[in-house]
Amino acid sequence: MKLVISIAFIGILGALAAAGLFMLKGSSGADKSKRGPNMARALALRVGLSVALFLFILLSYLMGWIEPTGLPLNR
């Protein structure tokens, strides 16, 4: 479970880094037309991975694979 979540976080951060690189790489005059679609695609991938991770965690909770833990309220 931790491995799946870790891989998803690495994918999310990688997509964010790719979008940043596309933004910086396309800042020169000639390649501005290519910057937009690539950066938008990378950001859309990041959002999709984030939503998929959230749904996976929610499904894992509902199936009983993970349980919430936290600090005790009454001390």
PDB file of N, CA and C in Angstrom:
ATOM      1  N   MET A   1       0.829  -1.188   0.000  1.00  0.00           N
ATOM      2  CA  MET A   1       0.000   0.000   0.000  1.00  0.00           C
ATOM      3  C   MET A   1       0.877   1.256   0.000  1.00  0.00           C
ATOM      4  N   LYS A   2       1.902   1.248   0.857  1.00  0.00           N
ATOM      5  CA  LYS A   2       2.789   2.415   0.915  1.00  0.00           C
ATOM      6  C   LYS A   2       3.541   2.594  -0.393  1.00  0.00           C
ATOM      7  N   LEU A   3       3.868   1.487  -1.034  1.00  0.00           N
ATOM      8  CA  LEU A   3       4.588   1.558  -2.302  1.00  0.00           C
ATOM      9  C   LEU A   3       3.718   2.200  -3.391  1.00  0.00           C
ATOM     10  N   VAL A   4       2.455   1.824  -3.444  1.00  0.00           N
ATOM     11  CA  VAL A   4       1.546   2.381  -4.459  1.00  0.00           C
ATOM     12  C   VAL A   4       1.376   3.881  -4.246  1.00  0.00           C
ATOM     13  N   ILE A   5       1.200   4.290  -3.007  1.00  0.00           N
ATOM     14  CA  ILE A   5       1.018   5.712  -2.704  1.00  0.00           C
ATOM     15  C   ILE A   5       2.305   6.484  -2.997  1.00  0.00           C
ATOM     16  N   SER A   6       3.453   5.897  -2.673  1.00  0.00           N
ATOM     17  CA  SER A   6       4.736   6.559  -2.944  1.00  0.00           C
ATOM     18  C   SER A   6       4.954   6.732  -4.447  1.00  0.00           C
ATOM     19  N   ILE A   7       4.637   5.705  -5.219  1.00  0.00           N
ATOM     20  CA  ILE A   7       4.788   5.799  -6.672  1.00  0.00           C
ATOM     21  C   ILE A   7       3.853   6.860  -7.239  1.00  0.00           C
ATOM     22  N   ALA A   8       2.646   6.945  -6.708  1.00  0.00           N
ATOM     23  CA  ALA A   8       1.695   7.962  -7.179  1.00  0.00           C
ATOM     24  C   ALA A   8       2.204   9.366  -6.869  1.00  0.00           C
ATOM     25  N   PHE A   9       2.755   9.560  -5.669  1.00  0.00           N
ATOM     26  CA  PHE A   9       3.304  10.878  -5.325  1.00  0.00           C
ATOM     27  C   PHE A   9       4.486  11.237  -6.218  1.00  0.00           C
ATOM     28  N   ILE A  10       5.340  10.271  -6.505  1.00  0.00           N
ATOM     29  CA  ILE A  10       6.474  10.538  -7.391  1.00  0.00           C
ATOM     30  C   ILE A  10       5.972  10.897  -8.791  1.00  0.00           C
ATOM     31  N   GLY A  11       4.938  10.219  -9.270  1.00  0.00           N
ATOM     32  CA  GLY A  11       4.346  10.547 -10.565  1.00  0.00           C
ATOM     33  C   GLY A  11       3.740  11.942 -10.586  1.00  0.00           C
ATOM     34  N   ILE A  12       3.070  12.317  -9.497  1.00  0.00           N
ATOM     35  CA  ILE A  12       2.470  13.647  -9.406  1.00  0.00           C
ATOM     36  C   ILE A  12       3.552  14.717  -9.428  1.00  0.00           C
ATOM     37  N   LEU A  13       4.597  14.524  -8.642  1.00  0.00           N
ATOM     38  CA  LEU A  13       5.689  15.500  -8.619  1.00  0.00           C
ATOM     39  C   LEU A  13       6.437  15.535  -9.953  1.00  0.00           C
ATOM     40  N   GLY A  14       6.588  14.380 -10.598  1.00  0.00           N
ATOM     41  CA  GLY A  14       7.233  14.347 -11.913  1.00  0.00           C
ATOM     42  C   GLY A  14       6.435  15.106 -12.962  1.00  0.00           C
ATOM     43  N   ALA A  15       5.120  14.962 -12.940  1.00  0.00           N
ATOM     44  CA  ALA A  15       4.280  15.699 -13.890  1.00  0.00           C
ATOM     45  C   ALA A  15       4.341  17.195 -13.621  1.00  0.00           C
ATOM     46  N   LEU A  16       4.399  17.575 -12.345  1.00  0.00           N
ATOM     47  CA  LEU A  16       4.520  18.997 -12.010  1.00  0.00           C
ATOM     48  C   LEU A  16       5.866  19.545 -12.477  1.00  0.00           C
ATOM     49  N   ALA A  17       6.931  18.768 -12.287  1.00  0.00           N
ATOM     50  CA  ALA A  17       8.253  19.203 -12.745  1.00  0.00           C
ATOM     51  C   ALA A  17       8.290  19.307 -14.267  1.00  0.00           C
ATOM     52  N   ALA A  18       7.661  18.371 -14.949  1.00  0.00           N
ATOM     53  CA  ALA A  18       7.622  18.411 -16.414  1.00  0.00           C
ATOM     54  C   ALA A  18       6.889  19.664 -16.892  1.00  0.00           C
ATOM     55  N   ALA A  19       5.797  20.015 -16.239  1.00  0.00           N
ATOM     56  CA  ALA A  19       5.070  21.233 -16.622  1.00  0.00           C
ATOM     57  C   ALA A  19       5.936  22.468 -16.410  1.00  0.00           C
ATOM     58  N   GLY A  20       6.671  22.477 -15.308  1.00  0.00           N
ATOM     59  CA  GLY A  20       7.570  23.607 -15.063  1.00  0.00           C
ATOM     60  C   GLY A  20       8.667  23.695 -16.103  1.00  0.00           C
ATOM     61  N   LEU A  21       9.223  22.546 -16.494  1.00  0.00           N
ATOM     62  CA  LEU A  21      10.262  22.554 -17.525  1.00  0.00           C
ATOM     63  C   LEU A  21       9.707  23.001 -18.871  1.00  0.00           C
ATOM     64  N   PHE A  22       8.495  22.555 -19.213  1.00  0.00           N
ATOM     65  CA  PHE A  22       7.888  23.010 -20.462  1.00  0.00           C
ATOM     66  C   PHE A  22       7.656  24.513 -20.430  1.00  0.00           C
ATOM     67  N   MET A  23       7.291  25.040 -19.267  1.00  0.00           N
ATOM     68  CA  MET A  23       7.064  26.475 -19.153  1.00  0.00           C
ATOM     69  C   MET A  23       8.373  27.240 -19.338  1.00  0.00           C
ATOM     70  N   LEU A  24       9.446  26.756 -18.706  1.00  0.00           N
ATOM     71  CA  LEU A  24      10.721  27.451 -18.815  1.00  0.00           C
ATOM     72  C   LEU A  24      11.374  27.251 -20.178  1.00  0.00           C
ATOM     73  N   LYS A  25      11.251  26.062 -20.738  1.00  0.00           N
ATOM     74  CA  LYS A  25      11.858  25.753 -22.019  1.00  0.00           C
ATOM     75  C   LYS A  25      11.212  26.558 -23.141  1.00  0.00           C
ATOM     76  N   GLY A  26       9.939  26.785 -23.062  1.00  0.00           N
ATOM     77  CA  GLY A  26       9.223  27.488 -24.115  1.00  0.00           C
ATOM     78  C   GLY A  26       9.216  28.986 -23.954  1.00  0.00           C
ATOM     79  N   SER A  27      10.000  29.515 -23.016  1.00  0.00           N
ATOM     80  CA  SER A  27       9.959  30.961 -22.805  1.00  0.00           C
ATOM     81  C   SER A  27      10.728  31.724 -23.873  1.00  0.00           C
ATOM     82  N   SER A  28      11.546  31.040 -24.675  1.00  0.00           N
ATOM     83  CA  SER A  28      12.213  31.725 -25.784  1.00  0.00           C
ATOM     84  C   SER A  28      11.185  32.028 -26.867  1.00  0.00           C
ATOM     85  N   GLY A  29      11.490  32.972 -27.721  1.00  0.00           N
ATOM     86  CA  GLY A  29      10.516  33.503 -28.660  1.00  0.00           C
ATOM     87  C   GLY A  29       9.902  32.513 -29.627  1.00  0.00           C
ATOM     88  N   ALA A  30      10.680  31.619 -30.218  1.00  0.00           N
ATOM     89  CA  ALA A  30      10.185  30.791 -31.320  1.00  0.00           C
ATOM     90  C   ALA A  30       9.268  29.661 -30.871  1.00  0.00           C
ATOM     91  N   ASP A  31       9.493  29.080 -29.703  1.00  0.00           N
ATOM     92  CA  ASP A  31       8.758  27.881 -29.304  1.00  0.00           C
ATOM     93  C   ASP A  31       7.542  28.159 -28.418  1.00  0.00           C
ATOM     94  N   LYS A  32       7.031  29.358 -28.422  1.00  0.00           N
ATOM     95  CA  LYS A  32       5.893  29.656 -27.547  1.00  0.00           C
ATOM     96  C   LYS A  32       4.639  28.889 -27.944  1.00  0.00           C
ATOM     97  N   SER A  33       4.500  28.524 -29.205  1.00  0.00           N
ATOM     98  CA  SER A  33       3.299  27.798 -29.629  1.00  0.00           C
ATOM     99  C   SER A  33       3.310  26.356 -29.126  1.00  0.00           C
ATOM    100  N   LYS A  34       4.486  25.768 -28.907  1.00  0.00           N
ATOM    101  CA  LYS A  34       4.563  24.395 -28.415  1.00  0.00           C
ATOM    102  C   LYS A  34       4.478  24.320 -26.898  1.00  0.00           C
ATOM    103  N   ARG A  35       4.735  25.419 -26.225  1.00  0.00           N
ATOM    104  CA  ARG A  35       4.765  25.410 -24.765  1.00  0.00           C
ATOM    105  C   ARG A  35       3.392  25.103 -24.185  1.00  0.00           C
ATOM    106  N   GLY A  36       2.363  25.723 -24.695  1.00  0.00           N
ATOM    107  CA  GLY A  36       1.027  25.602 -24.131  1.00  0.00           C
ATOM    108  C   GLY A  36       0.471  24.190 -24.093  1.00  0.00           C
ATOM    109  N   PRO A  37       0.430  23.497 -25.219  1.00  0.00           N
ATOM    110  CA  PRO A  37      -0.154  22.143 -25.199  1.00  0.00           C
ATOM    111  C   PRO A  37       0.625  21.161 -24.323  1.00  0.00           C
ATOM    112  N   ASN A  38       1.951  21.219 -24.367  1.00  0.00           N
ATOM    113  CA  ASN A  38       2.740  20.296 -23.551  1.00  0.00           C
ATOM    114  C   ASN A  38       2.566  20.579 -22.065  1.00  0.00           C
ATOM    115  N   MET A  39       2.583  21.843 -21.699  1.00  0.00           N
ATOM    116  CA  MET A  39       2.427  22.210 -20.298  1.00  0.00           C
ATOM    117  C   MET A  39       1.019  21.850 -19.820  1.00  0.00           C
ATOM    118  N   ALA A  40       0.019  22.111 -20.630  1.00  0.00           N
ATOM    119  CA  ALA A  40      -1.359  21.777 -20.251  1.00  0.00           C
ATOM    120  C   ALA A  40      -1.538  20.270 -20.114  1.00  0.00           C
ATOM    121  N   ARG A  41      -0.904  19.504 -20.998  1.00  0.00           N
ATOM    122  CA  ARG A  41      -0.992  18.048 -20.920  1.00  0.00           C
ATOM    123  C   ARG A  41      -0.340  17.527 -19.639  1.00  0.00           C
ATOM    124  N   ALA A  42       0.800  18.096 -19.270  1.00  0.00           N
ATOM    125  CA  ALA A  42       1.486  17.675 -18.047  1.00  0.00           C
ATOM    126  C   ALA A  42       0.663  18.041 -16.811  1.00  0.00           C
ATOM    127  N   LEU A  43       0.057  19.211 -16.816  1.00  0.00           N
ATOM    128  CA  LEU A  43      -0.776  19.611 -15.676  1.00  0.00           C
ATOM    129  C   LEU A  43      -2.048  18.773 -15.605  1.00  0.00           C
ATOM    130  N   ALA A  44      -2.609  18.420 -16.743  1.00  0.00           N
ATOM    131  CA  ALA A  44      -3.789  17.546 -16.752  1.00  0.00           C
ATOM    132  C   ALA A  44      -3.439  16.156 -16.231  1.00  0.00           C
ATOM    133  N   LEU A  45      -2.251  15.674 -16.568  1.00  0.00           N
ATOM    134  CA  LEU A  45      -1.790  14.389 -16.051  1.00  0.00           C
ATOM    135  C   LEU A  45      -1.631  14.449 -14.534  1.00  0.00           C
ATOM    136  N   ARG A  46      -1.099  15.559 -14.036  1.00  0.00           N
ATOM    137  CA  ARG A  46      -0.935  15.720 -12.595  1.00  0.00           C
ATOM    138  C   ARG A  46      -2.288  15.705 -11.889  1.00  0.00           C
ATOM    139  N   VAL A  47      -3.262  16.398 -12.437  1.00  0.00           N
ATOM    140  CA  VAL A  47      -4.594  16.419 -11.831  1.00  0.00           C
ATOM    141  C   VAL A  47      -5.226  15.034 -11.889  1.00  0.00           C
ATOM    142  N   GLY A  48      -5.067  14.352 -13.011  1.00  0.00           N
ATOM    143  CA  GLY A  48      -5.612  13.003 -13.134  1.00  0.00           C
ATOM    144  C   GLY A  48      -4.989  12.030 -12.140  1.00  0.00           C
ATOM    145  N   LEU A  49      -3.676  12.114 -11.965  1.00  0.00           N
ATOM    146  CA  LEU A  49      -3.008  11.254 -10.984  1.00  0.00           C
ATOM    147  C   LEU A  49      -3.464  11.574  -9.560  1.00  0.00           C
ATOM    148  N   SER A  50      -3.654  12.846  -9.265  1.00  0.00           N
ATOM    149  CA  SER A  50      -4.112  13.235  -7.930  1.00  0.00           C
ATOM    150  C   SER A  50      -5.513  12.701  -7.645  1.00  0.00           C
ATOM    151  N   VAL A  51      -6.404  12.823  -8.618  1.00  0.00           N
ATOM    152  CA  VAL A  51      -7.771  12.318  -8.445  1.00  0.00           C
ATOM    153  C   VAL A  51      -7.759  10.796  -8.323  1.00  0.00           C
ATOM    154  N   ALA A  52      -6.939  10.136  -9.138  1.00  0.00           N
ATOM    155  CA  ALA A  52      -6.848   8.674  -9.061  1.00  0.00           C
ATOM    156  C   ALA A  52      -6.303   8.225  -7.712  1.00  0.00           C
ATOM    157  N   LEU A  53      -5.313   8.937  -7.180  1.00  0.00           N
ATOM    158  CA  LEU A  53      -4.778   8.597  -5.867  1.00  0.00           C
ATOM    159  C   LEU A  53      -5.833   8.778  -4.785  1.00  0.00           C
ATOM    160  N   PHE A  54      -6.592   9.865  -4.850  1.00  0.00           N
ATOM    161  CA  PHE A  54      -7.647  10.098  -3.873  1.00  0.00           C
ATOM    162  C   PHE A  54      -8.692   8.986  -3.926  1.00  0.00           C
ATOM    163  N   LEU A  55      -9.114   8.619  -5.143  1.00  0.00           N
ATOM    164  CA  LEU A  55     -10.113   7.554  -5.281  1.00  0.00           C
ATOM    165  C   LEU A  55      -9.569   6.207  -4.816  1.00  0.00           C
ATOM    166  N   PHE A  56      -8.282   5.950  -5.051  1.00  0.00           N
ATOM    167  CA  PHE A  56      -7.677   4.710  -4.594  1.00  0.00           C
ATOM    168  C   PHE A  56      -7.640   4.652  -3.067  1.00  0.00           C
ATOM    169  N   ILE A  57      -7.300   5.765  -2.437  1.00  0.00           N
ATOM    170  CA  ILE A  57      -7.274   5.796  -0.966  1.00  0.00           C
ATOM    171  C   ILE A  57      -8.682   5.633  -0.414  1.00  0.00           C
ATOM    172  N   LEU A  58      -9.661   6.270  -1.033  1.00  0.00           N
ATOM    173  CA  LEU A  58     -11.048   6.129  -0.595  1.00  0.00           C
ATOM    174  C   LEU A  58     -11.531   4.694  -0.767  1.00  0.00           C
ATOM    175  N   LEU A  59     -11.238   4.075  -1.889  1.00  0.00           N
ATOM    176  CA  LEU A  59     -11.611   2.679  -2.117  1.00  0.00           C
ATOM    177  C   LEU A  59     -10.916   1.757  -1.116  1.00  0.00           C
ATOM    178  N   SER A  60      -9.653   2.030  -0.836  1.00  0.00           N
ATOM    179  CA  SER A  60      -8.916   1.212   0.138  1.00  0.00           C
ATOM    180  C   SER A  60      -9.542   1.302   1.517  1.00  0.00           C
ATOM    181  N   TYR A  61      -9.990   2.478   1.890  1.00  0.00           N
ATOM    182  CA  TYR A  61     -10.652   2.649   3.182  1.00  0.00           C
ATOM    183  C   TYR A  61     -11.982   1.891   3.213  1.00  0.00           C
ATOM    184  N   LEU A  62     -12.757   2.016   2.142  1.00  0.00           N
ATOM    185  CA  LEU A  62     -14.063   1.350   2.100  1.00  0.00           C
ATOM    186  C   LEU A  62     -13.934  -0.168   2.059  1.00  0.00           C
ATOM    187  N   MET A  63     -12.882  -0.687   1.452  1.00  0.00           N
ATOM    188  CA  MET A  63     -12.661  -2.128   1.390  1.00  0.00           C
ATOM    189  C   MET A  63     -12.028  -2.672   2.670  1.00  0.00           C
ATOM    190  N   GLY A  64     -11.583  -1.786   3.548  1.00  0.00           N
ATOM    191  CA  GLY A  64     -10.980  -2.209   4.803  1.00  0.00           C
ATOM    192  C   GLY A  64      -9.497  -2.522   4.712  1.00  0.00           C
ATOM    193  N   TRP A  65      -8.861  -2.141   3.613  1.00  0.00           N
ATOM    194  CA  TRP A  65      -7.434  -2.396   3.458  1.00  0.00           C
ATOM    195  C   TRP A  65      -6.606  -1.469   4.332  1.00  0.00           C
ATOM    196  N   ILE A  66      -7.111  -0.264   4.571  1.00  0.00           N
ATOM    197  CA  ILE A  66      -6.435   0.688   5.450  1.00  0.00           C
ATOM    198  C   ILE A  66      -7.436   1.158   6.483  1.00  0.00           C
ATOM    199  N   GLU A  67      -6.925   1.579   7.615  1.00  0.00           N
ATOM    200  CA  GLU A  67      -7.780   2.091   8.686  1.00  0.00           C
ATOM    201  C   GLU A  67      -7.225   3.431   9.137  1.00  0.00           C
ATOM    202  N   PRO A  68      -8.131   4.337   9.490  1.00  0.00           N
ATOM    203  CA  PRO A  68      -7.640   5.632   9.960  1.00  0.00           C
ATOM    204  C   PRO A  68      -7.031   5.506  11.350  1.00  0.00           C
ATOM    205  N   THR A  69      -5.942   6.173  11.550  1.00  0.00           N
ATOM    206  CA  THR A  69      -5.330   6.250  12.858  1.00  0.00           C
ATOM    207  C   THR A  69      -5.095   7.716  13.156  1.00  0.00           C
ATOM    208  N   GLY A  70      -4.997   8.016  14.392  1.00  0.00           N
ATOM    209  CA  GLY A  70      -4.785   9.407  14.754  1.00  0.00           C
ATOM    210  C   GLY A  70      -4.512   9.529  16.236  1.00  0.00           C
ATOM    211  N   LEU A  71      -4.456  10.738  16.669  1.00  0.00           N
ATOM    212  CA  LEU A  71      -4.219  10.994  18.073  1.00  0.00           C
ATOM    213  C   LEU A  71      -5.494  10.745  18.868  1.00  0.00           C
ATOM    214  N   PRO A  72      -5.377  10.181  20.058  1.00  0.00           N
ATOM    215  CA  PRO A  72      -6.582   9.996  20.872  1.00  0.00           C
ATOM    216  C   PRO A  72      -7.147  11.351  21.313  1.00  0.00           C
ATOM    217  N   LEU A  73      -8.480  11.452  21.284  1.00  0.00           N
ATOM    218  CA  LEU A  73      -9.117  12.719  21.620  1.00  0.00           C
ATOM    219  C   LEU A  73      -9.186  12.946  23.127  1.00  0.00           C
ATOM    220  N   ASN A  74      -9.391  11.896  23.890  1.00  0.00           N
ATOM    221  CA  ASN A  74      -9.507  12.034  25.335  1.00  0.00           C
ATOM    222  C   ASN A  74      -8.225  11.556  26.007  1.00  0.00           C
ATOM    223  N   ARG A  75      -7.551  12.471  26.664  1.00  0.00           N
ATOM    224  CA  ARG A  75      -6.323  12.101  27.387  1.00  0.00           C
ATOM    225  C   ARG A  75      -6.516  12.337  28.845  1.00  0.00           C
TER     226      ARG A  75
END
